[in-house]
Protein backbone atom coordinates (compact mmCIF):
# COMPACT_ATOMS: atom_id res chain seq x y z
CA MET A 1 137.97 188.77 147.20
CA MET A 2 141.54 189.69 146.31
CA LYS A 3 142.84 186.21 147.31
CA LYS A 4 140.23 184.53 145.09
CA LYS A 5 141.20 186.66 142.08
CA LYS A 6 144.88 185.90 142.60
CA LEU A 7 144.11 182.17 142.91
CA HIS A 8 142.20 182.24 139.60
CA LYS A 9 145.08 184.01 137.87
CA THR A 10 147.54 181.47 139.27
CA LEU A 11 145.40 178.54 138.15
CA LEU A 12 145.01 180.06 134.68
CA ALA A 13 148.76 180.61 134.41
CA LEU A 14 149.44 177.01 135.48
CA MET A 15 146.97 175.73 132.88
CA LEU A 16 148.63 177.80 130.17
CA VAL A 17 152.00 176.37 131.15
CA PHE A 18 151.08 172.69 131.58
CA ILE A 19 148.29 171.94 129.08
CA PRO A 20 150.28 172.48 125.83
CA PRO A 21 153.12 170.12 126.85
CA TYR A 22 150.57 167.57 128.08
CA PHE A 23 148.77 167.76 124.72
CA LEU A 24 152.01 167.41 122.74
CA VAL A 25 153.44 164.56 124.81
CA PHE A 26 150.50 162.49 126.03
CA THR A 27 147.87 162.61 123.27
CA GLU A 28 147.94 160.90 119.87
CA GLU A 29 147.05 164.13 118.07
CA GLY A 30 149.72 166.01 120.01
CA ASN A 31 152.32 163.38 119.12
CA ARG A 32 151.37 163.68 115.45
CA VAL A 33 151.63 167.49 115.55
CA SER A 34 154.98 167.49 117.36
CA ASP A 35 156.41 164.70 115.14
CA ASN A 36 155.40 166.60 112.00
CA ALA A 37 156.97 169.79 113.36
CA ILE A 38 160.25 168.02 114.17
CA LEU A 39 160.38 166.33 110.76
CA TRP A 40 159.66 169.67 109.08
CA LEU A 41 162.46 171.33 111.09
CA PHE A 42 164.89 168.70 109.78
CA GLY A 43 163.93 169.60 106.23
CA GLN A 44 162.00 166.55 105.07
CA GLU A 45 159.16 167.11 102.62
CA SER A 46 155.51 166.21 103.06
CA LEU A 47 153.38 164.37 100.54
CA ALA A 48 149.76 165.39 100.05
CA LEU A 49 148.16 162.70 97.93
CA ASN A 50 144.49 162.10 97.24
CA LEU A 51 144.40 158.32 96.84
CA ALA A 52 140.91 158.51 95.30
CA GLU A 53 142.39 160.51 92.39
CA ALA A 54 145.49 158.36 91.79
CA ASP A 55 145.25 157.02 88.26
CA SER A 56 147.10 154.54 86.07
CA SER A 57 147.18 157.09 83.27
CA PHE A 58 149.74 159.22 85.17
CA THR A 59 153.25 159.09 83.71
CA GLU A 60 156.55 159.18 85.57
CA ASN A 61 157.21 162.73 84.33
CA GLN A 62 153.79 163.93 85.50
CA VAL A 63 154.35 162.45 88.97
CA ARG A 64 157.80 164.03 89.21
CA GLU A 65 156.38 167.42 88.12
CA VAL A 66 153.48 167.33 90.59
CA PHE A 67 155.73 166.29 93.46
CA ALA A 68 158.79 168.28 92.39
CA ASP A 69 159.74 169.09 96.01
CA LEU A 70 160.61 165.45 96.67
CA GLU A 71 164.09 164.13 95.93
CA TRP A 72 163.17 161.22 93.66
CA GLN A 73 165.54 158.31 93.06
CA CYS A 74 164.37 156.42 89.97
CA GLY A 75 165.63 153.33 88.23
CA ALA A 76 164.90 149.95 86.72
CA VAL A 77 163.50 147.24 89.02
CA GLN A 78 162.32 143.66 88.82
CA SER A 79 158.85 143.92 90.33
CA PRO A 80 155.37 142.56 89.69
CA PHE A 81 154.31 146.24 89.74
CA GLY A 82 156.47 147.44 86.86
CA GLN A 83 159.89 147.91 85.32
CA THR A 84 160.67 151.31 86.88
CA ALA A 85 160.39 152.57 90.44
CA CYS A 86 160.83 156.04 91.90
CA ASN A 87 161.24 156.45 95.65
CA ALA A 88 161.66 159.38 97.99
CA SER A 89 162.01 159.94 101.72
CA ILE A 90 159.10 161.88 103.13
CA ALA A 91 158.29 163.44 106.49
CA SER A 92 154.56 162.89 106.28
CA PHE A 93 151.77 161.57 104.11
CA ASN A 94 148.54 163.60 104.34
CA ASP A 95 149.69 165.00 107.71
CA LEU A 96 150.59 161.61 109.20
CA PRO A 97 154.28 161.06 109.93
CA ALA A 98 155.70 158.72 107.29
CA ARG A 99 159.03 157.38 106.04
CA TYR A 100 158.98 156.92 102.27
CA VAL A 101 156.96 156.64 99.09
CA VAL A 102 157.69 154.34 96.15
CA MET A 103 155.87 154.72 92.84
CA TYR A 104 156.03 151.87 90.35
CA PHE A 105 155.62 152.34 86.60
CA ALA A 106 155.02 149.87 83.76
CA ASN A 107 155.33 151.20 80.22
CA ASP A 108 155.66 154.71 81.73
CA ARG A 109 152.27 154.45 83.47
CA LEU A 110 151.70 154.48 87.22
CA LYS A 111 150.82 150.97 88.40
CA ALA A 112 151.34 151.02 92.17
CA ILE A 113 152.20 153.28 95.09
CA LYS A 114 153.72 152.05 98.34
CA LEU A 115 153.68 154.38 101.34
CA GLY A 116 155.75 153.47 104.38
CA TYR A 117 154.38 155.18 107.46
CA ARG A 118 155.28 155.19 111.14
CA GLU A 119 153.76 152.26 113.01
CA GLN A 120 152.32 154.27 115.91
CA TYR A 121 150.05 156.08 113.42
CA HIS A 122 148.40 152.94 112.02
CA ASN A 123 145.04 153.61 113.70
CA ALA A 124 145.16 157.28 112.68
CA LEU A 125 145.80 156.18 109.07
CA LEU A 126 142.81 153.81 109.20
CA ARG A 127 140.59 156.65 110.52
CA GLN A 128 141.86 158.94 107.75
CA LEU A 129 141.10 156.29 105.10
CA LEU A 130 137.61 155.79 106.53
CA ASP A 131 137.03 159.55 106.44
CA THR A 132 138.28 160.02 102.88
CA LEU A 133 137.39 156.74 101.15
CA GLY A 134 134.46 155.44 103.21
CA GLN A 135 133.92 151.92 104.45
CA PRO A 136 136.42 149.35 103.16
CA GLY A 137 135.61 146.09 101.51
CA ASN A 138 137.15 142.99 102.98
CA ALA A 139 139.91 141.59 100.81
CA GLY A 140 138.76 138.12 101.89
CA SER A 141 135.67 138.38 99.70
CA ALA A 142 137.84 138.96 96.63
CA ALA A 143 140.47 136.33 97.41
CA SER A 144 138.90 133.40 99.22
CA ASP A 145 141.93 131.21 98.52
CA ALA A 146 144.24 133.58 100.44
CA PRO A 147 144.32 132.51 104.12
CA ASP A 148 145.29 135.98 105.43
CA ALA A 149 142.86 137.94 103.24
CA ASP A 150 140.50 138.64 106.15
CA LYS A 151 143.35 140.56 107.83
CA VAL A 152 143.49 143.08 104.96
CA LEU A 153 141.23 146.04 104.21
CA GLN A 154 140.73 147.39 100.71
CA TRP A 155 138.98 150.35 99.20
CA ASN A 156 138.00 150.48 95.55
CA THR A 157 138.45 154.04 94.28
CA GLY A 158 137.22 153.42 90.75
CA LYS A 159 140.74 154.07 89.45
CA GLY A 160 142.50 151.59 91.68
CA ARG A 161 142.50 149.88 95.06
CA VAL A 162 143.94 151.00 98.38
CA VAL A 163 145.11 148.09 100.50
CA VAL A 164 146.27 148.13 104.13
CA LYS A 165 146.41 145.58 106.94
CA LYS A 166 143.79 145.80 109.68
CA THR A 167 146.42 145.33 112.37
CA LEU A 168 150.18 145.16 112.33
CA GLY A 169 152.18 142.30 113.83
CA GLU A 170 155.45 142.84 115.67
CA ALA A 171 157.82 142.39 112.74
CA GLU A 172 155.49 143.67 110.02
CA GLN A 173 156.37 146.71 107.97
CA PRO A 174 153.70 149.43 108.17
CA ALA A 175 152.80 150.16 104.55
CA LEU A 176 149.84 151.19 102.46
CA LEU A 177 149.49 150.10 98.84
CA TRP A 178 147.59 151.71 96.00
CA LEU A 179 147.21 149.34 93.08
CA GLY A 180 146.15 150.77 89.73
CA SER A 181 143.32 149.35 87.68
CA ALA A 182 144.29 147.32 84.63
CA GLN A 183 143.81 149.33 81.45
């Protein structure tokens, strides 16, 4: 009986030693958790953004106040999204490791948001969008003259559209776009 008890304790100790590293190294969720922890340790800020609540009525000052922890770099740009852009490096977007956020303004109103995320989290981002925004519409139904439209997913939030590619090609930049409604 004593040998069996010792064997159980040994097995339990081995599980306690090996399961956490296995989780952190070999599972997608573990990779996300460890990547976020490392990015946080290096001092990068996280962005919590409810895309369903993003609105074209937001001004540049309001955005900078709400996300005051980010180190914004703002300036004039030539863009179809607006005349001003503010960008910041970020560690994560809604708990998914990310790289940057760019917010575009026209006449001091938010017109578009571009979020650059880490490619290995593309499927996790799609699952998060499905959970928070529901089923996407197919961009192909809105733009039949665009040959690649069936490769793009879009969600209408009532205040704008969230657009992301279904799959990423080798040289494609992983990015999510929020496009504000015309007012």
